[in-house]
Amino acid sequence: MGNFVRDILTTLSYEPEPREVLHAEGEALSRLDQRLAGMVQGAGRSRTAISIRPADCSVWDGNPRDVPGLSVESCRSLIESIAQEDGNRIPVLVRHNPPEAEQPYQLLVGSRRRFAVDWLNHNGRPEIRLNAMIVDLSDEEAFRLADIENRERQDITELDRARSYQAAVDRFYNGVQSRMAEALNLSNSQLSRLLALAQMPDEVVEAFATREELRVRHSEVLTPLLRRPEQRERLIFAARAIGQDQQRRAATGERMIPAAAVLTRLKQAAQEGTPARNSETPLVLEEERVGRLRPVRDGLTLDLTVGRDTDLDRLLALVRSAVLEARARFAADDPRD
């Protein structure tokens, strides 16, 4: 079985190719899925696959998928399909765990299928088992195989993929990026951009409405600013304020700040600098300047341009956030404190 999977590693392209959209188990088939399904159908399941319980396998920590992030909602169509077919038609890939491990197997590929079968086992279908193939692969080969599958999955965020690459550089390639790029069929620049995304500070990540919204193209803009100490400090200061605003919006059900607006505000904070006590703060809503906040002797003064179609709730939330940020900044600068 190891030879078959190694053949997949050498013959499957990493980049998506034009092809018909095939569906099975409630989702589009990746090319890895097609190869695995074809093998099972051609050779006979009894000779190529085993049936195990989801609890029989631990999840390998080298897979970039955020397993705790899987949910019934995100796997709904897969759960329904597996229930109808009395099992997963496309097998998961596992390898033997060391003898001292609690579970006999380690899951390499198929986190969603394992989740779906486990959910069904606990919700009225205890008889369904997880169809699996046992393979003999090194950690580096297992990482490449999981990467092939996950590049075609829309529910793997660029951030999760980037962070898995960051961990893999040292773990599998002795810290040599060029070796990793060659193994994954990536250019050095592609890999460098992904690794830069992985290094985004937590404050920046939390400034975006969801992890999915933070993309490589955003880190390409922010990375040069984060490399300069003064700009980094200002950018992270602004990111904290935006993140707090996002949390408040999420708690109250308001519309979240879109990624484009977050990027604009972070750029402006880094490039324009933290406003001094005698300078103004521009107010930007969806990449358009709608006003300014200026310090005066006894406090702050506000100038606004309210258009006919301006979302008043969002405008007021922006003003509130800017005022709180200005108050905090002035308090930190006050020599009497």
Protein backbone atom coordinates (compact mmCIF):
# COMPACT_ATOMS: atom_id res chain seq x y z
CA MET A 1 0.00 0.00 0.00
CA GLY A 2 2.89 2.35 0.66
CA ASN A 3 4.05 2.02 -2.95
CA PHE A 4 0.61 2.95 -4.25
CA VAL A 5 0.48 6.09 -2.14
CA ARG A 6 4.04 7.03 -3.10
CA ASP A 7 2.93 6.72 -6.71
CA ILE A 8 0.17 9.22 -5.93
CA LEU A 9 2.76 11.59 -4.48
CA THR A 10 4.82 11.49 -7.68
CA THR A 11 2.01 11.54 -10.23
CA LEU A 12 -0.61 13.89 -8.80
CA SER A 13 -0.21 17.55 -9.68
CA TYR A 14 -0.36 19.97 -6.80
CA GLU A 15 -2.14 22.66 -8.74
CA PRO A 16 -5.84 22.39 -9.67
CA GLU A 17 -6.49 21.26 -13.23
CA PRO A 18 -9.59 21.91 -15.36
CA ARG A 19 -11.93 18.96 -14.85
CA GLU A 20 -15.57 18.12 -14.46
CA VAL A 21 -16.94 18.64 -10.99
CA LEU A 22 -17.65 15.18 -9.61
CA HIS A 23 -19.63 14.70 -6.43
CA ALA A 24 -19.49 11.97 -3.85
CA GLU A 25 -20.24 11.90 -0.15
CA GLY A 26 -21.75 15.35 -0.41
CA GLU A 27 -18.68 17.17 -1.70
CA ALA A 28 -16.55 17.64 -4.81
CA LEU A 29 -13.97 14.90 -5.22
CA SER A 30 -10.33 15.89 -5.01
CA ARG A 31 -7.98 14.07 -7.32
CA LEU A 32 -6.66 12.15 -4.34
CA ASP A 33 -10.23 11.07 -3.56
CA GLN A 34 -10.67 9.92 -7.16
CA ARG A 35 -7.56 7.77 -6.98
CA LEU A 36 -8.57 6.23 -3.65
CA ALA A 37 -12.14 5.58 -4.76
CA GLY A 38 -10.91 4.03 -7.99
CA MET A 39 -8.56 1.72 -6.16
CA VAL A 40 -11.27 0.49 -3.80
CA GLN A 41 -13.72 -0.09 -6.65
CA GLY A 42 -11.13 -1.83 -8.80
CA ALA A 43 -9.51 -4.08 -6.26
CA GLY A 44 -12.38 -4.89 -3.95
CA ARG A 45 -12.91 -3.27 -0.59
CA SER A 46 -12.33 -6.45 1.39
CA ARG A 47 -8.75 -6.69 0.17
CA THR A 48 -7.77 -3.04 0.39
CA ALA A 49 -9.68 -1.48 3.27
CA ILE A 50 -10.41 -2.24 6.90
CA SER A 51 -13.33 -1.14 9.06
CA ILE A 52 -12.45 0.64 12.28
CA ARG A 53 -14.16 2.87 14.81
CA PRO A 54 -13.35 6.59 14.75
CA ALA A 55 -12.06 6.21 18.32
CA ASP A 56 -9.50 3.67 17.08
CA CYS A 57 -7.38 6.42 15.52
CA SER A 58 -5.74 9.54 16.82
CA VAL A 59 -5.37 12.47 14.44
CA TRP A 60 -1.85 13.12 13.22
CA ASP A 61 -0.69 16.55 14.33
CA GLY A 62 1.02 17.29 11.01
CA ASN A 63 -2.25 17.77 9.14
CA PRO A 64 -3.11 21.44 8.54
CA ARG A 65 -6.85 20.93 8.98
CA ASP A 66 -8.26 22.54 12.12
CA VAL A 67 -9.95 19.39 13.44
CA PRO A 68 -11.54 21.10 16.49
CA GLY A 69 -13.10 23.56 14.04
CA LEU A 70 -15.12 20.86 12.27
CA SER A 71 -18.84 21.08 12.98
CA VAL A 72 -22.10 19.37 12.09
CA GLU A 73 -23.01 22.38 9.96
CA SER A 74 -19.80 22.33 7.92
CA CYS A 75 -20.02 18.54 7.43
CA ARG A 76 -23.79 18.26 7.00
CA SER A 77 -23.87 17.02 3.40
CA LEU A 78 -21.06 14.56 4.09
CA ILE A 79 -22.87 13.18 7.14
CA GLU A 80 -26.08 12.70 5.15
CA SER A 81 -24.29 10.96 2.29
CA ILE A 82 -22.37 8.58 4.58
CA ALA A 83 -25.60 7.75 6.41
CA GLN A 84 -27.32 6.92 3.12
CA GLU A 85 -24.44 4.72 1.93
CA ASP A 86 -23.94 3.05 5.34
CA GLY A 87 -20.32 4.18 5.43
CA ASN A 88 -17.69 6.29 3.73
CA ARG A 89 -17.16 5.10 0.16
CA ILE A 90 -13.81 6.89 -0.08
CA PRO A 91 -11.50 5.47 2.61
CA VAL A 92 -9.44 7.48 5.03
CA LEU A 93 -5.71 6.83 5.24
CA VAL A 94 -4.19 5.66 8.51
CA ARG A 95 -0.90 4.22 9.68
CA HIS A 96 -0.02 2.15 12.73
CA ASN A 97 0.61 4.03 15.94
CA PRO A 98 3.59 3.05 18.13
CA PRO A 99 2.79 0.07 20.41
CA GLU A 100 2.64 2.29 23.50
CA ALA A 101 -0.07 4.56 22.04
CA GLU A 102 -3.64 4.38 23.34
CA GLN A 103 -5.14 4.01 19.85
CA PRO A 104 -3.87 1.49 17.30
CA TYR A 105 -4.02 3.84 14.31
CA GLN A 106 -3.06 7.38 13.37
CA LEU A 107 -5.26 9.29 10.92
CA LEU A 108 -3.31 10.93 8.08
CA VAL A 109 -6.02 11.88 5.56
CA GLY A 110 -9.80 12.05 6.05
CA SER A 111 -10.53 14.22 9.12
CA ARG A 112 -13.99 15.19 7.84
CA ARG A 113 -14.97 11.57 7.18
CA ARG A 114 -13.79 10.52 10.62
CA PHE A 115 -15.79 13.38 12.17
CA ALA A 116 -18.92 12.45 10.19
CA VAL A 117 -18.81 8.75 11.12
CA ASP A 118 -18.11 9.60 14.76
CA TRP A 119 -21.10 11.96 14.82
CA LEU A 120 -23.35 9.31 13.29
CA ASN A 121 -22.13 6.74 15.84
CA HIS A 122 -23.31 9.05 18.62
CA ASN A 123 -26.57 10.00 16.90
CA GLY A 124 -28.48 6.85 16.09
CA ARG A 125 -26.11 4.96 13.75
CA PRO A 126 -23.67 3.08 16.02
CA GLU A 127 -23.24 0.30 13.44
CA ILE A 128 -21.45 2.46 10.85
CA ARG A 129 -17.71 1.96 10.74
CA LEU A 130 -14.92 4.06 9.27
CA ASN A 131 -13.49 2.47 6.12
CA ALA A 132 -9.72 2.98 6.12
CA MET A 133 -6.56 2.01 4.27
CA ILE A 134 -3.38 1.32 6.19
CA VAL A 135 -0.28 2.92 4.67
CA ASP A 136 3.39 2.96 5.62
CA LEU A 137 4.61 6.52 5.17
CA SER A 138 7.18 8.76 6.81
CA ASP A 139 6.07 11.99 8.46
CA GLU A 140 7.36 14.00 5.49
CA GLU A 141 5.47 11.83 3.00
CA ALA A 142 2.32 12.03 5.14
CA PHE A 143 2.62 15.82 5.23
CA ARG A 144 2.91 16.03 1.44
CA LEU A 145 -0.06 13.72 0.96
CA ALA A 146 -2.26 15.73 3.34
CA ASP A 147 -1.13 18.91 1.58
CA ILE A 148 -2.22 17.55 -1.80
CA GLU A 149 -5.70 16.85 -0.47
CA ASN A 150 -6.09 20.04 1.52
CA ARG A 151 -5.07 22.40 -1.31
CA GLU A 152 -8.33 21.45 -3.02
CA ARG A 153 -10.51 21.93 0.04
CA GLN A 154 -12.29 25.26 0.43
CA ASP A 155 -12.68 24.81 4.19
CA ILE A 156 -8.93 24.96 4.80
CA THR A 157 -8.08 28.60 5.44
CA GLU A 158 -4.95 30.15 3.99
CA LEU A 159 -3.89 30.94 7.55
CA ASP A 160 -4.21 27.31 8.69
CA ARG A 161 -2.28 26.13 5.66
CA ALA A 162 0.40 28.77 6.20
CA ARG A 163 0.85 27.89 9.87
CA SER A 164 1.15 24.21 9.03
CA TYR A 165 3.90 25.13 6.55
CA GLN A 166 5.66 27.20 9.20
CA ALA A 167 5.74 24.21 11.56
CA ALA A 168 6.76 21.83 8.76
CA VAL A 169 9.85 23.80 7.68
CA ASP A 170 11.73 22.87 10.84
CA ARG A 171 10.01 19.57 11.51
CA PHE A 172 10.46 17.95 8.10
CA TYR A 173 13.00 20.05 6.17
CA ASN A 174 15.59 21.09 8.78
CA GLY A 175 14.63 24.74 8.43
CA VAL A 176 15.57 24.89 4.72
CA GLN A 177 12.76 26.64 2.86
CA SER A 178 14.13 25.80 -0.57
CA ARG A 179 13.97 22.07 0.21
CA MET A 180 10.38 22.40 1.31
CA ALA A 181 9.42 24.46 -1.73
CA GLU A 182 10.90 21.84 -4.05
CA ALA A 183 9.16 18.99 -2.23
CA LEU A 184 5.77 20.73 -2.42
CA ASN A 185 6.22 21.93 -6.01
CA LEU A 186 6.07 25.57 -4.94
CA SER A 187 8.27 28.45 -5.95
CA ASN A 188 10.43 29.96 -3.21
CA SER A 189 8.42 33.18 -3.46
CA GLN A 190 5.10 31.34 -3.05
CA LEU A 191 6.35 29.61 0.06
CA SER A 192 7.83 32.81 1.46
CA ARG A 193 4.50 34.60 1.09
CA LEU A 194 2.68 31.80 2.90
CA LEU A 195 5.23 31.78 5.71
CA ALA A 196 4.83 35.55 6.06
CA LEU A 197 1.09 35.03 6.56
CA ALA A 198 1.83 32.45 9.27
CA GLN A 199 3.82 35.09 11.17
CA MET A 200 1.00 37.62 11.39
CA PRO A 201 0.64 38.73 15.05
CA ASP A 202 -2.45 37.50 16.89
CA GLU A 203 -3.70 41.10 17.17
CA VAL A 204 -3.77 41.36 13.37
CA VAL A 205 -5.52 38.00 12.99
CA GLU A 206 -8.20 39.04 15.47
CA ALA A 207 -8.77 42.34 13.67
CA PHE A 208 -10.35 40.44 10.78
CA ALA A 209 -13.91 39.22 11.13
CA THR A 210 -12.91 35.58 10.60
CA ARG A 211 -9.72 33.62 10.03
CA GLU A 212 -10.94 32.91 6.49
CA GLU A 213 -10.84 36.61 5.61
CA LEU A 214 -7.14 37.03 6.37
CA ARG A 215 -5.38 36.12 3.14
CA VAL A 216 -1.88 36.02 1.68
CA ARG A 217 -2.58 39.22 -0.25
CA HIS A 218 -3.20 41.03 3.05
CA SER A 219 0.03 39.83 4.61
CA GLU A 220 1.93 41.01 1.53
CA VAL A 221 0.79 44.54 2.36
CA LEU A 222 1.24 44.32 6.13
CA THR A 223 4.53 42.40 6.39
CA PRO A 224 6.78 45.30 5.26
CA LEU A 225 5.06 47.58 7.78
CA LEU A 226 5.48 45.06 10.60
CA ARG A 227 9.22 44.87 9.95
CA ARG A 228 9.72 48.49 11.03
CA PRO A 229 9.52 48.80 14.84
CA GLU A 230 7.68 52.15 14.98
CA GLN A 231 5.17 51.18 12.30
CA ARG A 232 4.69 47.76 13.87
CA GLU A 233 3.81 49.33 17.20
CA ARG A 234 1.26 51.66 15.61
CA LEU A 235 -0.22 48.91 13.46
CA ILE A 236 -0.69 46.52 16.37
CA PHE A 237 -2.20 49.32 18.47
CA ALA A 238 -4.77 49.90 15.74
CA ALA A 239 -5.33 46.15 15.30
CA ARG A 240 -6.23 45.80 18.99
CA ALA A 241 -8.83 48.56 18.70
CA ILE A 242 -10.32 47.01 15.56
CA GLY A 243 -10.37 43.58 17.18
CA GLN A 244 -12.27 44.94 20.18
CA ASP A 245 -14.73 46.60 17.81
CA GLN A 246 -15.19 43.32 15.92
CA GLN A 247 -15.91 41.49 19.18
CA ARG A 248 -18.49 44.08 20.15
CA ARG A 249 -20.16 43.82 16.74
CA ALA A 250 -20.25 40.04 16.92
CA ALA A 251 -21.83 40.19 20.39
CA THR A 252 -24.51 42.67 19.29
CA GLY A 253 -25.22 41.14 15.90
CA GLU A 254 -23.95 44.14 13.94
CA ARG A 255 -22.31 43.82 10.56
CA MET A 256 -18.61 42.99 10.91
CA ILE A 257 -15.93 45.26 9.50
CA PRO A 258 -15.00 43.88 6.05
CA ALA A 259 -11.46 42.78 5.28
CA ALA A 260 -10.80 45.63 2.84
CA ALA A 261 -11.69 48.23 5.49
CA VAL A 262 -9.56 46.47 8.13
CA LEU A 263 -6.58 46.49 5.78
CA THR A 264 -7.05 50.18 5.00
CA ARG A 265 -7.22 51.15 8.65
CA LEU A 266 -4.13 49.12 9.53
CA LYS A 267 -2.15 50.65 6.66
CA GLN A 268 -3.18 54.16 7.63
CA ALA A 269 -2.29 53.57 11.27
CA ALA A 270 1.19 52.36 10.35
CA GLN A 271 1.94 54.91 7.65
CA GLU A 272 0.40 58.01 9.18
CA GLY A 273 1.53 57.22 12.68
CA THR A 274 -0.33 57.39 15.93
CA PRO A 275 -1.81 60.90 16.00
CA ALA A 276 -0.14 63.29 18.37
CA ARG A 277 -2.22 65.21 20.89
CA ASN A 278 -2.47 68.15 18.52
CA SER A 279 -3.23 66.21 15.31
CA GLU A 280 -6.40 64.81 13.82
CA THR A 281 -7.55 61.22 13.37
CA PRO A 282 -9.21 60.45 10.00
CA LEU A 283 -12.42 58.42 10.19
CA VAL A 284 -12.66 55.86 7.40
CA LEU A 285 -15.75 53.75 6.68
CA GLU A 286 -15.46 51.09 3.94
CA GLU A 287 -12.35 52.74 2.48
CA GLU A 288 -14.00 56.19 2.32
CA ARG A 289 -13.10 59.07 4.59
CA VAL A 290 -16.25 60.22 6.36
CA GLY A 291 -14.83 62.64 8.89
CA ARG A 292 -12.11 63.48 11.39
CA LEU A 293 -11.55 63.58 15.12
CA ARG A 294 -9.47 66.48 16.46
CA PRO A 295 -8.18 67.17 19.97
CA VAL A 296 -9.05 70.53 21.49
CA ARG A 297 -8.19 72.09 24.78
CA ASP A 298 -11.05 70.57 26.74
CA GLY A 299 -11.47 67.30 24.87
CA LEU A 300 -12.25 66.23 21.31
CA THR A 301 -14.16 67.71 18.41
CA LEU A 302 -15.77 65.70 15.65
CA ASP A 303 -16.42 66.57 11.99
CA LEU A 304 -18.59 64.15 10.00
CA THR A 305 -19.91 63.88 6.46
CA VAL A 306 -23.14 61.87 6.52
CA GLY A 307 -24.18 60.75 3.06
CA ARG A 308 -27.66 59.85 1.98
CA ASP A 309 -26.83 56.12 2.01
CA THR A 310 -24.48 56.10 5.00
CA ASP A 311 -25.15 53.27 7.45
CA LEU A 312 -25.75 55.26 10.62
CA ASP A 313 -25.27 52.33 12.99
CA ARG A 314 -21.89 51.53 11.53
CA LEU A 315 -20.91 55.20 11.44
CA LEU A 316 -21.78 55.65 15.11
CA ALA A 317 -19.87 52.48 16.00
CA LEU A 318 -16.83 53.83 14.12
CA VAL A 319 -17.06 57.13 16.01
CA ARG A 320 -17.37 55.34 19.33
CA SER A 321 -14.32 53.19 18.60
CA ALA A 322 -12.26 56.22 17.49
CA VAL A 323 -13.19 58.24 20.59
CA LEU A 324 -12.32 55.40 22.96
CA GLU A 325 -9.02 54.85 21.15
CA ALA A 326 -8.19 58.57 21.34
CA ARG A 327 -9.02 58.73 25.04
CA ALA A 328 -6.79 55.73 25.74
CA ARG A 329 -3.95 57.22 23.72
CA PHE A 330 -4.16 60.61 25.42
CA ALA A 331 -4.29 58.97 28.84
CA ALA A 332 -1.16 56.96 28.04
CA ASP A 333 0.60 60.14 26.90
CA ASP A 334 -0.43 62.19 29.92
CA PRO A 335 2.71 62.90 32.01
CA ARG A 336 0.59 63.22 35.14
CA ASP A 337 -0.14 59.47 35.08
